[in-house]
Amino acid sequence: MKQLYLIHEHHPRLLLFFAGWGADETPFRHYHPAGSDYMICYDYCSLQFDPSLLDNYREIHVVGWSMGVWAAARVVPPLALPIGRTIALNGTPYQMDDRRGIPEAIFRGTLEGLNGASLHKFLRRMCSDTAAFRRFLEVSPHRPLEELREELAATLQREEAQQPLPDPSFFREAFIGANDRIIPPANQRCAWEEAGAEICLSDEAHYTERIFKHYLEEIWTND
């Protein structure tokens, strides 16, 4: 797993963001939560996480998006960290699950058929419309296709082995986009109702700039 500081000014508070599959820092580096350091995590070929990088923070807020929710629910709960708010965006602790995540047939089909054309289609489905997709392409991640295939395959192996197990109750707040075409909104709702999380339902797609603006910047600026 990559852990990268986007803001490292030795604030007492950290915003720890777990991005989704295939991500890097490029789409998320322009957000600036006031009064906080800001670290992004991505590339879940490995779930090795270095908690020593988080020493000396008095409060750590965790936001996960998409596959990042899956990763954070496995990595963070066992660590002795001063966790504040925990917010899931369009994701669940169950990456491949017919009721609470991406249906198994779709997940396996995505991996088996992954190529340049299918990735382009996937990224288009993340966005609400053509204009949003064009804006995403301006900040799209810079990772090779083979690396994305390895990341998805590693996720599948962990899901099949059910190791490490997630902590479904780690995220206490969950945002669900009603127009998410990647992870079925009904499955997300099922996962979070079982976990007892506070649910916010909005008419958004899987990737939406204004949602990231709100959850990676505005709410911490006003906190």
C-alpha atoms as a PDB file:
ATOM      1  CA  MET A   1       0.000   0.000   0.000  1.00  0.00           C
ATOM      2  CA  LYS A   2       1.195   3.477  -0.829  1.00  0.00           C
ATOM      3  CA  GLN A   3       0.950   6.097   1.933  1.00  0.00           C
ATOM      4  CA  LEU A   4       1.588   9.616   0.681  1.00  0.00           C
ATOM      5  CA  TYR A   5       1.335  12.925   2.516  1.00  0.00           C
ATOM      6  CA  LEU A   6      -0.387  15.598   0.464  1.00  0.00           C
ATOM      7  CA  ILE A   7      -0.215  18.043   3.373  1.00  0.00           C
ATOM      8  CA  HIS A   8       2.456  17.532   6.016  1.00  0.00           C
ATOM      9  CA  GLU A   9       2.663  20.651   8.149  1.00  0.00           C
ATOM     10  CA  HIS A  10       2.693  18.904  11.542  1.00  0.00           C
ATOM     11  CA  HIS A  11      -0.859  19.765  12.506  1.00  0.00           C
ATOM     12  CA  PRO A  12      -2.222  17.856  15.504  1.00  0.00           C
ATOM     13  CA  ARG A  13      -4.990  16.476  13.293  1.00  0.00           C
ATOM     14  CA  LEU A  14      -4.738  14.160  10.276  1.00  0.00           C
ATOM     15  CA  LEU A  15      -7.211  13.416   7.506  1.00  0.00           C
ATOM     16  CA  LEU A  16      -6.423   9.858   6.392  1.00  0.00           C
ATOM     17  CA  PHE A  17      -8.009   9.096   3.019  1.00  0.00           C
ATOM     18  CA  PHE A  18      -8.203   5.620   1.499  1.00  0.00           C
ATOM     19  CA  ALA A  19      -8.783   6.018  -2.250  1.00  0.00           C
ATOM     20  CA  GLY A  20     -10.351   3.462  -4.589  1.00  0.00           C
ATOM     21  CA  TRP A  21      -9.106   0.823  -6.997  1.00  0.00           C
ATOM     22  CA  GLY A  22      -6.667   2.099  -9.595  1.00  0.00           C
ATOM     23  CA  ALA A  23      -6.253   5.445  -7.869  1.00  0.00           C
ATOM     24  CA  ASP A  24      -3.240   7.546  -7.072  1.00  0.00           C
ATOM     25  CA  GLU A  25      -2.965  11.034  -5.622  1.00  0.00           C
ATOM     26  CA  THR A  26      -3.655  12.897  -8.885  1.00  0.00           C
ATOM     27  CA  PRO A  27      -7.456  13.387  -8.589  1.00  0.00           C
ATOM     28  CA  PHE A  28      -7.269  14.263  -4.893  1.00  0.00           C
ATOM     29  CA  ARG A  29      -4.188  16.410  -4.378  1.00  0.00           C
ATOM     30  CA  HIS A  30      -5.966  19.775  -4.766  1.00  0.00           C
ATOM     31  CA  TYR A  31      -8.165  19.376  -1.672  1.00  0.00           C
ATOM     32  CA  HIS A  32      -6.985  21.290   1.377  1.00  0.00           C
ATOM     33  CA  PRO A  33      -8.622  20.493   4.731  1.00  0.00           C
ATOM     34  CA  ALA A  34      -7.823  23.481   6.950  1.00  0.00           C
ATOM     35  CA  GLY A  35      -5.936  22.786  10.162  1.00  0.00           C
ATOM     36  CA  SER A  36      -5.118  19.205   9.133  1.00  0.00           C
ATOM     37  CA  ASP A  37      -2.372  17.160   7.640  1.00  0.00           C
ATOM     38  CA  TYR A  38      -3.664  15.046   4.777  1.00  0.00           C
ATOM     39  CA  MET A  39      -2.488  11.571   3.760  1.00  0.00           C
ATOM     40  CA  ILE A  40      -3.763   9.442   0.889  1.00  0.00           C
ATOM     41  CA  CYS A  41      -3.504   5.651   0.761  1.00  0.00           C
ATOM     42  CA  TYR A  42      -3.857   3.630  -2.443  1.00  0.00           C
ATOM     43  CA  ASP A  43      -2.636   0.526  -4.324  1.00  0.00           C
ATOM     44  CA  TYR A  44      -3.986  -2.436  -2.369  1.00  0.00           C
ATOM     45  CA  CYS A  45      -1.818  -5.116  -3.946  1.00  0.00           C
ATOM     46  CA  SER A  46      -0.495  -5.200  -0.404  1.00  0.00           C
ATOM     47  CA  LEU A  47      -2.299  -4.164   2.767  1.00  0.00           C
ATOM     48  CA  GLN A  48       0.946  -3.465   4.623  1.00  0.00           C
ATOM     49  CA  PHE A  49       0.473  -0.188   6.453  1.00  0.00           C
ATOM     50  CA  ASP A  50       3.058   1.775   8.441  1.00  0.00           C
ATOM     51  CA  PRO A  51       1.348   3.281  11.510  1.00  0.00           C
ATOM     52  CA  SER A  52       4.610   4.910  12.634  1.00  0.00           C
ATOM     53  CA  LEU A  53       3.978   7.589   9.987  1.00  0.00           C
ATOM     54  CA  LEU A  54       0.938   8.609  12.039  1.00  0.00           C
ATOM     55  CA  ASP A  55       2.727   9.120  15.348  1.00  0.00           C
ATOM     56  CA  ASN A  56       2.078  12.315  17.313  1.00  0.00           C
ATOM     57  CA  TYR A  57      -1.422  13.045  15.994  1.00  0.00           C
ATOM     58  CA  ARG A  58      -4.043  13.827  18.607  1.00  0.00           C
ATOM     59  CA  GLU A  59      -6.902  13.030  16.247  1.00  0.00           C
ATOM     60  CA  ILE A  60      -7.160  11.072  13.001  1.00  0.00           C
ATOM     61  CA  HIS A  61     -10.259  11.227  10.832  1.00  0.00           C
ATOM     62  CA  VAL A  62     -10.657   8.441   8.270  1.00  0.00           C
ATOM     63  CA  VAL A  63     -12.450   8.763   4.932  1.00  0.00           C
ATOM     64  CA  GLY A  64     -12.672   5.803   2.568  1.00  0.00           C
ATOM     65  CA  TRP A  65     -13.942   5.776  -1.001  1.00  0.00           C
ATOM     66  CA  SER A  66     -14.941   2.707  -3.011  1.00  0.00           C
ATOM     67  CA  MET A  67     -12.309  -0.024  -2.518  1.00  0.00           C
ATOM     68  CA  GLY A  68     -10.708   2.245   0.054  1.00  0.00           C
ATOM     69  CA  VAL A  69     -13.603   1.465   2.397  1.00  0.00           C
ATOM     70  CA  TRP A  70     -12.780  -2.229   2.050  1.00  0.00           C
ATOM     71  CA  ALA A  71      -9.090  -1.588   2.748  1.00  0.00           C
ATOM     72  CA  ALA A  72      -9.555   0.779   5.684  1.00  0.00           C
ATOM     73  CA  ALA A  73     -11.994  -1.583   7.414  1.00  0.00           C
ATOM     74  CA  ARG A  74      -9.234  -4.208   7.451  1.00  0.00           C
ATOM     75  CA  VAL A  75      -6.163  -2.093   8.112  1.00  0.00           C
ATOM     76  CA  VAL A  76      -7.096   0.590  10.629  1.00  0.00           C
ATOM     77  CA  PRO A  77      -9.245  -1.030  13.368  1.00  0.00           C
ATOM     78  CA  PRO A  78      -6.442  -3.204  14.863  1.00  0.00           C
ATOM     79  CA  LEU A  79      -4.149  -0.179  15.247  1.00  0.00           C
ATOM     80  CA  ALA A  80      -3.996   1.877  18.419  1.00  0.00           C
ATOM     81  CA  LEU A  81      -4.787   5.193  16.767  1.00  0.00           C
ATOM     82  CA  PRO A  82      -6.764   8.199  18.078  1.00  0.00           C
ATOM     83  CA  ILE A  83      -9.601   7.800  15.569  1.00  0.00           C
ATOM     84  CA  GLY A  84     -12.205  10.541  15.240  1.00  0.00           C
ATOM     85  CA  ARG A  85     -14.856  10.468  12.519  1.00  0.00           C
ATOM     86  CA  THR A  86     -14.978   7.559  10.107  1.00  0.00           C
ATOM     87  CA  ILE A  87     -16.796   8.155   6.813  1.00  0.00           C
ATOM     88  CA  ALA A  88     -17.395   5.744   3.929  1.00  0.00           C
ATOM     89  CA  LEU A  89     -18.090   7.132   0.450  1.00  0.00           C
ATOM     90  CA  ASN A  90     -19.738   4.824  -2.096  1.00  0.00           C
ATOM     91  CA  GLY A  91     -18.152   1.674  -0.740  1.00  0.00           C
ATOM     92  CA  THR A  92     -18.600  -1.117   1.800  1.00  0.00           C
ATOM     93  CA  PRO A  93     -16.343  -3.397   3.850  1.00  0.00           C
ATOM     94  CA  TYR A  94     -17.328  -6.212   1.478  1.00  0.00           C
ATOM     95  CA  GLN A  95     -15.731  -5.647  -1.913  1.00  0.00           C
ATOM     96  CA  MET A  96     -17.193  -8.795  -3.516  1.00  0.00           C
ATOM     97  CA  ASP A  97     -20.586  -9.693  -2.075  1.00  0.00           C
ATOM     98  CA  ASP A  98     -23.918 -10.314  -3.778  1.00  0.00           C
ATOM     99  CA  ARG A  99     -25.829  -8.475  -1.033  1.00  0.00           C
ATOM    100  CA  ARG A 100     -23.375  -6.009   0.475  1.00  0.00           C
ATOM    101  CA  GLY A 101     -20.840  -5.136  -2.229  1.00  0.00           C
ATOM    102  CA  ILE A 102     -20.127  -5.767  -5.894  1.00  0.00           C
ATOM    103  CA  PRO A 103     -21.914  -8.960  -7.036  1.00  0.00           C
ATOM    104  CA  GLU A 104     -19.433 -11.797  -7.492  1.00  0.00           C
ATOM    105  CA  ALA A 105     -20.168 -12.385 -11.173  1.00  0.00           C
ATOM    106  CA  ILE A 106     -19.542  -8.712 -11.979  1.00  0.00           C
ATOM    107  CA  PHE A 107     -16.379  -8.558  -9.887  1.00  0.00           C
ATOM    108  CA  ARG A 108     -14.876 -11.662 -11.507  1.00  0.00           C
ATOM    109  CA  GLY A 109     -15.981 -10.527 -14.953  1.00  0.00           C
ATOM    110  CA  THR A 110     -14.282  -7.156 -14.471  1.00  0.00           C
ATOM    111  CA  LEU A 111     -10.999  -8.856 -13.622  1.00  0.00           C
ATOM    112  CA  GLU A 112     -11.189 -11.483 -16.374  1.00  0.00           C
ATOM    113  CA  GLY A 113     -12.096  -8.964 -19.076  1.00  0.00           C
ATOM    114  CA  LEU A 114      -9.844  -6.126 -17.970  1.00  0.00           C
ATOM    115  CA  ASN A 115      -8.211  -4.316 -20.895  1.00  0.00           C
ATOM    116  CA  GLY A 116      -7.862  -0.743 -22.084  1.00  0.00           C
ATOM    117  CA  ALA A 117     -11.363  -0.580 -23.536  1.00  0.00           C
ATOM    118  CA  SER A 118     -13.086  -2.133 -20.516  1.00  0.00           C
ATOM    119  CA  LEU A 119     -11.172   0.157 -18.143  1.00  0.00           C
ATOM    120  CA  HIS A 120     -12.308   3.180 -20.156  1.00  0.00           C
ATOM    121  CA  LYS A 121     -15.899   1.962 -19.879  1.00  0.00           C
ATOM    122  CA  PHE A 122     -15.505   1.398 -16.126  1.00  0.00           C
ATOM    123  CA  LEU A 123     -14.182   4.920 -15.592  1.00  0.00           C
ATOM    124  CA  ARG A 124     -17.012   6.360 -17.660  1.00  0.00           C
ATOM    125  CA  ARG A 125     -19.542   4.504 -15.520  1.00  0.00           C
ATOM    126  CA  MET A 126     -17.989   6.041 -12.412  1.00  0.00           C
ATOM    127  CA  CYS A 127     -19.038   9.496 -13.603  1.00  0.00           C
ATOM    128  CA  SER A 128     -22.499  11.009 -13.845  1.00  0.00           C
ATOM    129  CA  ASP A 129     -22.262  12.278 -17.434  1.00  0.00           C
ATOM    130  CA  THR A 130     -19.896  13.048 -20.298  1.00  0.00           C
ATOM    131  CA  ALA A 131     -18.867  16.430 -18.879  1.00  0.00           C
ATOM    132  CA  ALA A 132     -17.955  14.876 -15.518  1.00  0.00           C
ATOM    133  CA  PHE A 133     -16.004  12.139 -17.287  1.00  0.00           C
ATOM    134  CA  ARG A 134     -14.022  14.682 -19.283  1.00  0.00           C
ATOM    135  CA  ARG A 135     -13.127  16.532 -16.079  1.00  0.00           C
ATOM    136  CA  PHE A 136     -12.035  13.242 -14.517  1.00  0.00           C
ATOM    137  CA  LEU A 137      -9.775  12.474 -17.489  1.00  0.00           C
ATOM    138  CA  GLU A 138      -7.939  15.737 -16.825  1.00  0.00           C
ATOM    139  CA  VAL A 139      -6.880  14.409 -13.395  1.00  0.00           C
ATOM    140  CA  SER A 140      -6.994  10.662 -14.021  1.00  0.00           C
ATOM    141  CA  PRO A 141      -4.439   8.471 -12.203  1.00  0.00           C
ATOM    142  CA  HIS A 142      -1.185   7.459 -13.865  1.00  0.00           C
ATOM    143  CA  ARG A 143      -0.885   3.737 -13.162  1.00  0.00           C
ATOM    144  CA  PRO A 144      -0.258   0.979 -15.734  1.00  0.00           C
ATOM    145  CA  LEU A 145      -3.043  -1.439 -16.612  1.00  0.00           C
ATOM    146  CA  GLU A 146      -1.105  -4.481 -15.436  1.00  0.00           C
ATOM    147  CA  GLU A 147      -0.715  -2.932 -12.005  1.00  0.00           C
ATOM    148  CA  LEU A 148      -4.478  -2.386 -11.797  1.00  0.00           C
ATOM    149  CA  ARG A 149      -5.036  -6.020 -12.762  1.00  0.00           C
ATOM    150  CA  GLU A 150      -2.671  -7.148 -10.002  1.00  0.00           C
ATOM    151  CA  GLU A 151      -4.457  -4.959  -7.482  1.00  0.00           C
ATOM    152  CA  LEU A 152      -7.873  -6.363  -8.395  1.00  0.00           C
ATOM    153  CA  ALA A 153      -6.553  -9.934  -8.351  1.00  0.00           C
ATOM    154  CA  ALA A 154      -5.020  -9.412  -4.899  1.00  0.00           C
ATOM    155  CA  THR A 155      -8.357  -8.108  -3.654  1.00  0.00           C
ATOM    156  CA  LEU A 156     -10.121 -11.174  -5.043  1.00  0.00           C
ATOM    157  CA  GLN A 157      -7.663 -13.512  -3.326  1.00  0.00           C
ATOM    158  CA  ARG A 158      -8.271 -11.834   0.015  1.00  0.00           C
ATOM    159  CA  GLU A 159     -12.035 -11.933  -0.461  1.00  0.00           C
ATOM    160  CA  GLU A 160     -11.896 -15.657  -1.273  1.00  0.00           C
ATOM    161  CA  ALA A 161      -9.713 -16.342   1.762  1.00  0.00           C
ATOM    162  CA  GLN A 162     -11.716 -13.924   3.925  1.00  0.00           C
ATOM    163  CA  GLN A 163      -8.436 -12.624   5.311  1.00  0.00           C
ATOM    164  CA  PRO A 164      -7.982 -10.249   6.876  1.00  0.00           C
ATOM    165  CA  LEU A 165     -11.552  -9.963   8.110  1.00  0.00           C
ATOM    166  CA  PRO A 166     -13.100  -6.474   8.080  1.00  0.00           C
ATOM    167  CA  ASP A 167     -14.561  -4.597  11.003  1.00  0.00           C
ATOM    168  CA  PRO A 168     -17.996  -3.703   9.568  1.00  0.00           C
ATOM    169  CA  SER A 169     -18.716  -1.272  12.400  1.00  0.00           C
ATOM    170  CA  PHE A 170     -15.530   0.778  11.917  1.00  0.00           C
ATOM    171  CA  PHE A 171     -17.208   3.309   9.643  1.00  0.00           C
ATOM    172  CA  ARG A 172     -19.901   5.163  11.551  1.00  0.00           C
ATOM    173  CA  GLU A 173     -21.038   7.385   8.667  1.00  0.00           C
ATOM    174  CA  ALA A 174     -21.810   6.211   5.149  1.00  0.00           C
ATOM    175  CA  PHE A 175     -22.551   8.263   2.052  1.00  0.00           C
ATOM    176  CA  ILE A 176     -24.423   6.411  -0.702  1.00  0.00           C
ATOM    177  CA  GLY A 177     -24.832   7.832  -4.203  1.00  0.00           C
ATOM    178  CA  ALA A 178     -28.215   6.761  -5.569  1.00  0.00           C
ATOM    179  CA  ASN A 179     -26.763   6.849  -9.110  1.00  0.00           C
ATOM    180  CA  ASP A 180     -23.699   4.747  -8.304  1.00  0.00           C
ATOM    181  CA  ARG A 181     -23.217   2.358 -11.244  1.00  0.00           C
ATOM    182  CA  ILE A 182     -20.183   0.598  -9.764  1.00  0.00           C
ATOM    183  CA  ILE A 183     -21.400  -0.666  -6.373  1.00  0.00           C
ATOM    184  CA  PRO A 184     -25.191  -1.114  -6.304  1.00  0.00           C
ATOM    185  CA  PRO A 185     -26.722   1.453  -3.916  1.00  0.00           C
ATOM    186  CA  ALA A 186     -29.122  -1.179  -2.536  1.00  0.00           C
ATOM    187  CA  ASN A 187     -26.150  -3.368  -1.603  1.00  0.00           C
ATOM    188  CA  GLN A 188     -24.418  -0.444   0.069  1.00  0.00           C
ATOM    189  CA  ARG A 189     -27.529   0.298   2.065  1.00  0.00           C
ATOM    190  CA  CYS A 190     -27.810  -3.322   3.144  1.00  0.00           C
ATOM    191  CA  ALA A 191     -24.189  -3.324   4.360  1.00  0.00           C
ATOM    192  CA  TRP A 192     -24.522  -0.115   6.342  1.00  0.00           C
ATOM    193  CA  GLU A 193     -27.910  -0.911   7.841  1.00  0.00           C
ATOM    194  CA  GLU A 194     -26.426  -4.174   9.137  1.00  0.00           C
ATOM    195  CA  ALA A 195     -23.454  -2.246  10.549  1.00  0.00           C
ATOM    196  CA  GLY A 196     -25.651   0.400  12.174  1.00  0.00           C
ATOM    197  CA  ALA A 197     -23.939   3.302  10.403  1.00  0.00           C
ATOM    198  CA  GLU A 198     -25.541   6.697   9.922  1.00  0.00           C
ATOM    199  CA  ILE A 199     -26.517   6.796   6.237  1.00  0.00           C
ATOM    200  CA  CYS A 200     -26.600   9.830   3.957  1.00  0.00           C
ATOM    201  CA  LEU A 201     -28.309   9.116   0.630  1.00  0.00           C
ATOM    202  CA  SER A 202     -27.855  11.582  -2.231  1.00  0.00           C
ATOM    203  CA  ASP A 203     -28.443  11.659  -5.991  1.00  0.00           C
ATOM    204  CA  GLU A 204     -24.787  11.223  -6.976  1.00  0.00           C
ATOM    205  CA  ALA A 205     -22.589   8.948  -9.089  1.00  0.00           C
ATOM    206  CA  HIS A 206     -19.724   6.775  -7.852  1.00  0.00           C
ATOM    207  CA  TYR A 207     -17.129   9.495  -8.497  1.00  0.00           C
ATOM    208  CA  THR A 208     -18.398  13.021  -7.876  1.00  0.00           C
ATOM    209  CA  GLU A 209     -16.139  16.033  -7.410  1.00  0.00           C
ATOM    210  CA  ARG A 210     -18.508  17.909  -5.113  1.00  0.00           C
ATOM    211  CA  ILE A 211     -18.690  14.955  -2.738  1.00  0.00           C
ATOM    212  CA  PHE A 212     -14.907  14.854  -2.448  1.00  0.00           C
ATOM    213  CA  LYS A 213     -14.872  18.635  -2.060  1.00  0.00           C
ATOM    214  CA  HIS A 214     -17.261  18.279   0.862  1.00  0.00           C
ATOM    215  CA  TYR A 215     -15.744  15.269   2.629  1.00  0.00           C
ATOM    216  CA  LEU A 216     -12.049  15.966   1.948  1.00  0.00           C
ATOM    217  CA  GLU A 217     -12.129  19.707   2.537  1.00  0.00           C
ATOM    218  CA  GLU A 218     -15.270  21.574   3.575  1.00  0.00           C
ATOM    219  CA  ILE A 219     -16.369  19.642   6.649  1.00  0.00           C
ATOM    220  CA  TRP A 220     -12.884  19.794   8.175  1.00  0.00           C
ATOM    221  CA  THR A 221     -12.483  23.475   7.316  1.00  0.00           C
ATOM    222  CA  ASN A 222     -15.685  24.200   9.218  1.00  0.00           C
ATOM    223  CA  ASP A 223     -14.956  21.756  12.047  1.00  0.00           C
END
